[in-house]
Amino acid sequence: MGNKKVLIIDDDAKIRRVLDLRLKKAGYQVFVAANGEAGLNLFRAEQPDIIITDILMPGKEGLETIMELRRDSPEVKIIAMSGGGRVGAEEYLDLAKKFGAQYAFTKPFTGKEVLLAVRKLLDNSPGVKNTFG
């Protein structure tokens, strides 16, 4: 598992740090980006196995980022997360699922929940069911 790569895209430095530490402790190679543009550049450079992205970010936001990731790499695994916004987290996460995220989390969530989703997606690679928590 040590060679599995995870990319975290979130404009919240605290969330990036918590997920980074949790995933590294679990043996993953972790890359972090503060926005969608930086995340897409890291994705192209590092070819991670899974992406965890926030939905609401300045600049290139999460839904746009998910669409570009899907276009460039239809097989990539994506976990979306959102704390809500003008319409609330549920609507954003529903859109994220339509655009291709396999899991969606409402903030706040636990590192354990995200780690479990990462493990499920990476262990059951072919034909992963769309499951949302």
Protein backbone atom coordinates (compact mmCIF):
# COMPACT_ATOMS: atom_id res chain seq x y z
CA MET A 1 0.00 0.00 0.00
CA GLY A 2 2.95 2.34 0.59
CA ASN A 3 3.10 3.26 -3.07
CA LYS A 4 -0.55 4.39 -3.28
CA LYS A 5 -0.80 8.13 -3.87
CA VAL A 6 -3.49 10.42 -2.48
CA LEU A 7 -4.04 14.02 -3.57
CA ILE A 8 -5.88 16.37 -1.18
CA ILE A 9 -7.34 19.58 -2.65
CA ASP A 10 -8.79 22.00 -0.10
CA ASP A 11 -8.39 25.72 0.57
CA ASP A 12 -8.61 25.07 4.34
CA ALA A 13 -5.05 24.52 5.62
CA LYS A 14 -6.28 22.78 8.79
CA ILE A 15 -8.25 20.18 6.82
CA ARG A 16 -5.29 19.62 4.47
CA ARG A 17 -3.00 19.11 7.46
CA VAL A 18 -5.36 16.72 9.33
CA LEU A 19 -5.98 14.56 6.24
CA ASP A 20 -2.29 14.67 5.27
CA LEU A 21 -1.19 13.40 8.69
CA ARG A 22 -3.93 10.76 8.90
CA LEU A 23 -3.24 9.34 5.42
CA LYS A 24 0.57 9.40 5.80
CA LYS A 25 0.22 7.56 9.12
CA ALA A 26 -1.83 4.92 7.25
CA GLY A 27 1.02 4.46 4.76
CA TYR A 28 -0.10 6.53 1.78
CA GLN A 29 2.03 8.95 -0.20
CA VAL A 30 0.20 12.28 0.10
CA PHE A 31 0.21 15.44 -2.00
CA VAL A 32 -1.69 18.60 -1.07
CA ALA A 33 -3.00 21.55 -3.04
CA ALA A 34 -4.84 24.67 -1.87
CA ASN A 35 -7.06 25.06 -4.95
CA GLY A 36 -8.33 23.24 -8.02
CA GLU A 37 -5.76 24.66 -10.43
CA ALA A 38 -2.82 23.59 -8.25
CA GLY A 39 -4.57 20.26 -7.67
CA LEU A 40 -4.93 19.58 -11.39
CA ASN A 41 -1.26 20.40 -11.94
CA LEU A 42 -0.24 18.02 -9.14
CA PHE A 43 -2.60 15.38 -10.53
CA ARG A 44 -0.93 15.55 -13.94
CA ALA A 45 2.56 15.48 -12.42
CA GLU A 46 2.06 12.74 -9.81
CA GLN A 47 -0.82 10.62 -11.18
CA PRO A 48 -2.34 9.87 -7.75
CA ASP A 49 -4.58 6.84 -7.24
CA ILE A 50 -7.27 8.88 -5.51
CA ILE A 51 -8.26 12.52 -5.11
CA ILE A 52 -10.01 14.06 -2.11
CA THR A 53 -11.37 17.46 -3.08
CA ASP A 54 -13.34 20.22 -1.43
CA ILE A 55 -16.23 21.61 -3.46
CA LEU A 56 -16.20 25.29 -2.49
CA MET A 57 -12.80 26.90 -3.11
CA PRO A 58 -11.67 30.21 -4.56
CA GLY A 59 -10.53 30.11 -8.17
CA LYS A 60 -11.20 26.74 -9.75
CA GLU A 61 -13.77 25.15 -7.44
CA GLY A 62 -14.36 21.47 -6.80
CA LEU A 63 -17.12 20.66 -9.29
CA GLU A 64 -15.11 22.14 -12.14
CA THR A 65 -12.03 20.29 -10.88
CA ILE A 66 -13.95 16.97 -10.74
CA MET A 67 -15.18 17.47 -14.31
CA GLU A 68 -11.63 18.11 -15.56
CA LEU A 69 -10.26 15.13 -13.64
CA ARG A 70 -12.96 12.88 -15.13
CA ARG A 71 -12.28 14.19 -18.63
CA ASP A 72 -8.50 13.66 -18.32
CA SER A 73 -8.69 10.37 -16.41
CA PRO A 74 -12.09 8.62 -16.40
CA GLU A 75 -10.84 5.87 -14.05
CA VAL A 76 -9.54 8.11 -11.26
CA LYS A 77 -11.18 7.70 -7.87
CA ILE A 78 -12.63 10.85 -6.30
CA ILE A 79 -13.94 11.72 -2.84
CA ALA A 80 -15.75 15.06 -2.56
CA MET A 81 -16.29 17.05 0.64
CA SER A 82 -18.21 20.20 1.42
CA GLY A 83 -19.15 22.36 4.36
CA GLY A 84 -21.98 23.91 2.39
CA GLY A 85 -22.42 27.38 1.04
CA ARG A 86 -25.31 29.37 -0.37
CA VAL A 87 -27.40 26.25 -1.03
CA GLY A 88 -25.99 23.84 1.55
CA ALA A 89 -23.62 20.91 1.45
CA GLU A 90 -26.15 18.28 0.30
CA GLU A 91 -26.87 19.98 -3.03
CA TYR A 92 -23.16 20.44 -3.78
CA LEU A 93 -22.40 16.84 -2.88
CA ASP A 94 -25.27 15.58 -5.04
CA LEU A 95 -23.75 17.47 -7.97
CA ALA A 96 -20.31 16.07 -7.14
CA LYS A 97 -21.75 12.54 -7.35
CA LYS A 98 -23.35 13.33 -10.71
CA PHE A 99 -19.99 14.59 -11.96
CA GLY A 100 -18.25 11.40 -10.87
CA ALA A 101 -17.26 11.42 -7.20
CA GLN A 102 -17.61 7.96 -5.65
CA TYR A 103 -17.89 9.20 -2.06
CA ALA A 104 -19.11 12.50 -0.63
CA PHE A 105 -18.67 13.81 2.91
CA THR A 106 -20.29 16.73 4.66
CA LYS A 107 -17.89 18.72 6.84
CA PRO A 108 -17.18 18.17 9.63
CA PHE A 109 -16.20 14.53 9.17
CA THR A 110 -13.67 12.34 10.92
CA GLY A 111 -10.30 11.34 9.54
CA LYS A 112 -11.35 7.75 10.21
CA GLU A 113 -14.37 8.08 7.86
CA VAL A 114 -12.19 9.44 5.05
CA LEU A 115 -9.51 6.80 5.61
CA LEU A 116 -12.16 4.07 5.40
CA ALA A 117 -13.47 5.50 2.11
CA VAL A 118 -9.93 5.72 0.69
CA ARG A 119 -9.25 2.10 1.65
CA LYS A 120 -12.54 0.91 0.14
CA LEU A 121 -11.94 2.72 -3.14
CA LEU A 122 -8.34 1.54 -3.47
CA ASP A 123 -9.00 -2.05 -2.35
CA ASN A 124 -12.10 -2.58 -4.49
CA SER A 125 -10.79 -0.80 -7.55
CA PRO A 126 -12.84 -2.41 -10.34
CA GLY A 127 -16.53 -1.63 -10.28
CA VAL A 128 -16.69 0.30 -7.02
CA LYS A 129 -20.27 1.01 -6.04
CA ASN A 130 -21.27 4.63 -5.54
CA THR A 131 -21.59 4.81 -1.77
CA PHE A 132 -22.00 8.03 0.10
CA GLY A 133 -21.77 8.87 3.76
